[in-house]
C-alpha atoms as a PDB file:
ATOM      1  CA  UNK A   1      48.377   2.704 -20.398  1.00  0.00           C
ATOM      2  CA  UNK A   2      47.301   5.937 -22.340  1.00  0.00           C
ATOM      3  CA  UNK A   3      50.833   7.168 -22.807  1.00  0.00           C
ATOM      4  CA  UNK A   4      51.821   3.686 -23.839  1.00  0.00           C
ATOM      5  CA  UNK A   5      49.169   4.227 -26.620  1.00  0.00           C
ATOM      6  CA  UNK A   6      50.497   7.174 -27.705  1.00  0.00           C
ATOM      7  CA  UNK A   7      54.068   6.321 -28.070  1.00  0.00           C
ATOM      8  CA  UNK A   8      53.504   3.128 -30.296  1.00  0.00           C
ATOM      9  CA  UNK A   9      50.903   5.296 -32.601  1.00  0.00           C
ATOM     10  CA  UNK A  10      53.548   7.812 -33.165  1.00  0.00           C
ATOM     11  CA  UNK A  11      56.596   4.658 -33.089  1.00  0.00           C
ATOM     12  CA  UNK A  12      54.540   2.751 -35.971  1.00  0.00           C
ATOM     13  CA  UNK A  13      54.255   6.496 -38.015  1.00  0.00           C
ATOM     14  CA  UNK A  14      57.756   7.174 -37.529  1.00  0.00           C
ATOM     15  CA  UNK A  15      59.187   3.961 -38.134  1.00  0.00           C
ATOM     16  CA  UNK A  16      56.581   1.990 -40.548  1.00  0.00           C
ATOM     17  CA  UNK A  17      58.530  -1.560 -40.214  1.00  0.00           C
ATOM     18  CA  UNK A  18      57.412  -4.166 -38.785  1.00  0.00           C
ATOM     19  CA  UNK A  19      60.245  -5.136 -36.275  1.00  0.00           C
ATOM     20  CA  UNK A  20      58.955  -5.916 -32.892  1.00  0.00           C
ATOM     21  CA  UNK A  21      56.436  -8.248 -34.896  1.00  0.00           C
ATOM     22  CA  UNK A  22      59.368  -9.923 -36.539  1.00  0.00           C
ATOM     23  CA  UNK A  23      61.105 -10.358 -33.319  1.00  0.00           C
ATOM     24  CA  UNK A  24      58.527 -11.827 -31.428  1.00  0.00           C
ATOM     25  CA  UNK A  25      57.339 -14.245 -33.894  1.00  0.00           C
ATOM     26  CA  UNK A  26      61.191 -15.521 -35.181  1.00  0.00           C
ATOM     27  CA  UNK A  27      62.577 -14.700 -31.216  1.00  0.00           C
ATOM     28  CA  UNK A  28      60.181 -17.339 -30.159  1.00  0.00           C
ATOM     29  CA  UNK A  29      60.137 -19.758 -33.055  1.00  0.00           C
ATOM     30  CA  UNK A  30      64.041 -19.615 -31.999  1.00  0.00           C
ATOM     31  CA  UNK A  31      63.675 -20.054 -28.457  1.00  0.00           C
ATOM     32  CA  UNK A  32      61.360 -22.697 -28.641  1.00  0.00           C
ATOM     33  CA  UNK A  33      63.528 -24.535 -31.094  1.00  0.00           C
ATOM     34  CA  UNK A  34      66.510 -24.095 -28.313  1.00  0.00           C
ATOM     35  CA  UNK A  35      64.152 -25.514 -25.727  1.00  0.00           C
ATOM     36  CA  UNK A  36      63.681 -28.525 -28.564  1.00  0.00           C
ATOM     37  CA  UNK A  37      67.105 -29.072 -28.923  1.00  0.00           C
ATOM     38  CA  UNK A  38      68.201 -29.145 -25.439  1.00  0.00           C
ATOM     39  CA  UNK A  39      65.071 -31.437 -24.502  1.00  0.00           C
ATOM     40  CA  UNK A  40      65.897 -33.891 -27.014  1.00  0.00           C
ATOM     41  CA  UNK A  41      69.588 -34.287 -26.616  1.00  0.00           C
ATOM     42  CA  UNK A  42      68.957 -34.598 -22.630  1.00  0.00           C
ATOM     43  CA  UNK A  43      66.301 -37.189 -23.623  1.00  0.00           C
ATOM     44  CA  UNK A  44      68.588 -39.079 -25.846  1.00  0.00           C
ATOM     45  CA  UNK A  45      71.141 -38.566 -23.104  1.00  0.00           C
ATOM     46  CA  UNK A  46      69.123 -40.395 -20.710  1.00  0.00           C
ATOM     47  CA  UNK A  47      67.578 -42.862 -23.070  1.00  0.00           C
ATOM     48  CA  UNK A  48      70.939 -43.964 -24.880  1.00  0.00           C
ATOM     49  CA  UNK A  49      74.195 -43.824 -22.224  1.00  0.00           C
ATOM     50  CA  UNK A  50      76.061 -46.319 -23.629  1.00  0.00           C
ATOM     51  CA  UNK A  51      74.405 -46.454 -27.384  1.00  0.00           C
ATOM     52  CA  UNK A  52      76.063 -44.390 -29.794  1.00  0.00           C
ATOM     53  CA  UNK A  53      72.668 -43.159 -30.587  1.00  0.00           C
ATOM     54  CA  UNK A  54      73.095 -40.460 -28.543  1.00  0.00           C
ATOM     55  CA  UNK A  55      74.715 -38.333 -31.259  1.00  0.00           C
ATOM     56  CA  UNK A  56      71.254 -38.780 -33.709  1.00  0.00           C
ATOM     57  CA  UNK A  57      69.889 -36.042 -31.577  1.00  0.00           C
ATOM     58  CA  UNK A  58      72.241 -33.856 -31.801  1.00  0.00           C
ATOM     59  CA  UNK A  59      72.411 -34.205 -35.095  1.00  0.00           C
ATOM     60  CA  UNK A  60      69.048 -33.702 -35.769  1.00  0.00           C
ATOM     61  CA  UNK A  61      68.927 -30.889 -33.153  1.00  0.00           C
ATOM     62  CA  UNK A  62      71.844 -28.522 -34.571  1.00  0.00           C
ATOM     63  CA  UNK A  63      70.954 -28.225 -38.091  1.00  0.00           C
ATOM     64  CA  UNK A  64      66.961 -27.623 -36.538  1.00  0.00           C
ATOM     65  CA  UNK A  65      68.746 -24.811 -34.227  1.00  0.00           C
ATOM     66  CA  UNK A  66      70.770 -23.122 -37.285  1.00  0.00           C
ATOM     67  CA  UNK A  67      68.002 -23.079 -39.398  1.00  0.00           C
ATOM     68  CA  UNK A  68      65.564 -21.479 -37.117  1.00  0.00           C
ATOM     69  CA  UNK A  69      68.727 -18.561 -35.880  1.00  0.00           C
ATOM     70  CA  UNK A  70      69.648 -17.990 -39.884  1.00  0.00           C
ATOM     71  CA  UNK A  71      65.111 -17.441 -40.415  1.00  0.00           C
ATOM     72  CA  UNK A  72      65.100 -14.906 -37.577  1.00  0.00           C
ATOM     73  CA  UNK A  73      68.864 -12.828 -39.186  1.00  0.00           C
ATOM     74  CA  UNK A  74      67.322 -13.296 -42.533  1.00  0.00           C
ATOM     75  CA  UNK A  75      63.486 -12.034 -41.968  1.00  0.00           C
ATOM     76  CA  UNK A  76      65.624  -9.073 -39.551  1.00  0.00           C
ATOM     77  CA  UNK A  77      67.599  -7.947 -42.926  1.00  0.00           C
ATOM     78  CA  UNK A  78      64.445  -7.897 -45.014  1.00  0.00           C
ATOM     79  CA  UNK A  79      62.747  -5.347 -43.120  1.00  0.00           C
ATOM     80  CA  UNK A  80      62.644  -1.745 -44.970  1.00  0.00           C
ATOM     81  CA  UNK A  81      64.360   0.926 -42.719  1.00  0.00           C
ATOM     82  CA  UNK A  82      64.177   4.010 -42.992  1.00  0.00           C
ATOM     83  CA  UNK A  83      67.062   6.098 -43.450  1.00  0.00           C
ATOM     84  CA  UNK A  84      67.661   9.423 -42.410  1.00  0.00           C
ATOM     85  CA  UNK A  85      69.710  12.429 -43.862  1.00  0.00           C
ATOM     86  CA  UNK A  86      71.327  15.057 -41.131  1.00  0.00           C
ATOM     87  CA  UNK A  87      68.569  17.491 -41.060  1.00  0.00           C
ATOM     88  CA  UNK A  88      66.278  14.854 -41.093  1.00  0.00           C
ATOM     89  CA  UNK A  89      67.862  13.648 -38.005  1.00  0.00           C
ATOM     90  CA  UNK A  90      68.202  17.210 -36.451  1.00  0.00           C
ATOM     91  CA  UNK A  91      64.528  17.556 -36.817  1.00  0.00           C
ATOM     92  CA  UNK A  92      63.454  14.298 -34.833  1.00  0.00           C
ATOM     93  CA  UNK A  93      65.775  15.127 -32.352  1.00  0.00           C
ATOM     94  CA  UNK A  94      64.383  18.386 -31.823  1.00  0.00           C
ATOM     95  CA  UNK A  95      60.945  16.844 -32.172  1.00  0.00           C
ATOM     96  CA  UNK A  96      61.278  14.409 -28.528  1.00  0.00           C
ATOM     97  CA  UNK A  97      63.477  17.121 -26.800  1.00  0.00           C
ATOM     98  CA  UNK A  98      60.135  19.090 -27.353  1.00  0.00           C
ATOM     99  CA  UNK A  99      57.729  16.060 -26.241  1.00  0.00           C
ATOM    100  CA  UNK A 100      60.204  15.464 -23.533  1.00  0.00           C
ATOM    101  CA  UNK A 101      60.097  19.256 -21.899  1.00  0.00           C
ATOM    102  CA  UNK A 102      56.065  19.336 -22.352  1.00  0.00           C
ATOM    103  CA  UNK A 103      55.578  16.249 -20.289  1.00  0.00           C
ATOM    104  CA  UNK A 104      56.395  17.611 -17.150  1.00  0.00           C
ATOM    105  CA  UNK A 105      59.209  15.701 -16.665  1.00  0.00           C
ATOM    106  CA  UNK A 106      62.008  17.617 -14.430  1.00  0.00           C
ATOM    107  CA  UNK A 107      65.374  18.306 -16.122  1.00  0.00           C
ATOM    108  CA  UNK A 108      69.013  17.818 -14.598  1.00  0.00           C
ATOM    109  CA  UNK A 109      68.659  21.758 -14.039  1.00  0.00           C
ATOM    110  CA  UNK A 110      65.937  21.268 -11.508  1.00  0.00           C
ATOM    111  CA  UNK A 111      67.767  19.113  -8.881  1.00  0.00           C
ATOM    112  CA  UNK A 112      66.544  21.107  -6.335  1.00  0.00           C
ATOM    113  CA  UNK A 113      63.155  21.011  -6.987  1.00  0.00           C
ATOM    114  CA  UNK A 114      63.220  17.183  -7.258  1.00  0.00           C
ATOM    115  CA  UNK A 115      65.316  17.338  -3.672  1.00  0.00           C
ATOM    116  CA  UNK A 116      62.221  19.457  -2.410  1.00  0.00           C
ATOM    117  CA  UNK A 117      59.891  16.655  -3.442  1.00  0.00           C
ATOM    118  CA  UNK A 118      61.705  14.192  -2.066  1.00  0.00           C
ATOM    119  CA  UNK A 119      61.273  15.518   1.613  1.00  0.00           C
END
């Protein structure tokens, strides 16, 4: 749990956008709108089986689902992005490799060592 907090703090410093917040908020809204749309369709289909009123639910639910989906897409496009130059990207990759090496995780070269641990 401590390492998760550490990496989430690093993530916030490296990527200042609120991507996770937008995804949780808008994807949840989209999911709820989708469930409401499906429930409304099923209810109207069972209640108005022989009546053309069934199509009213579809006419209401389809635009609701489209608006929720477009809200998700527009909010994702509105996020501030961080662009990397080639040198910055190389420095970031080097930083992540050093952090991985310092974590004590065995690399691919230590396969024999890992096999000895499993036995």
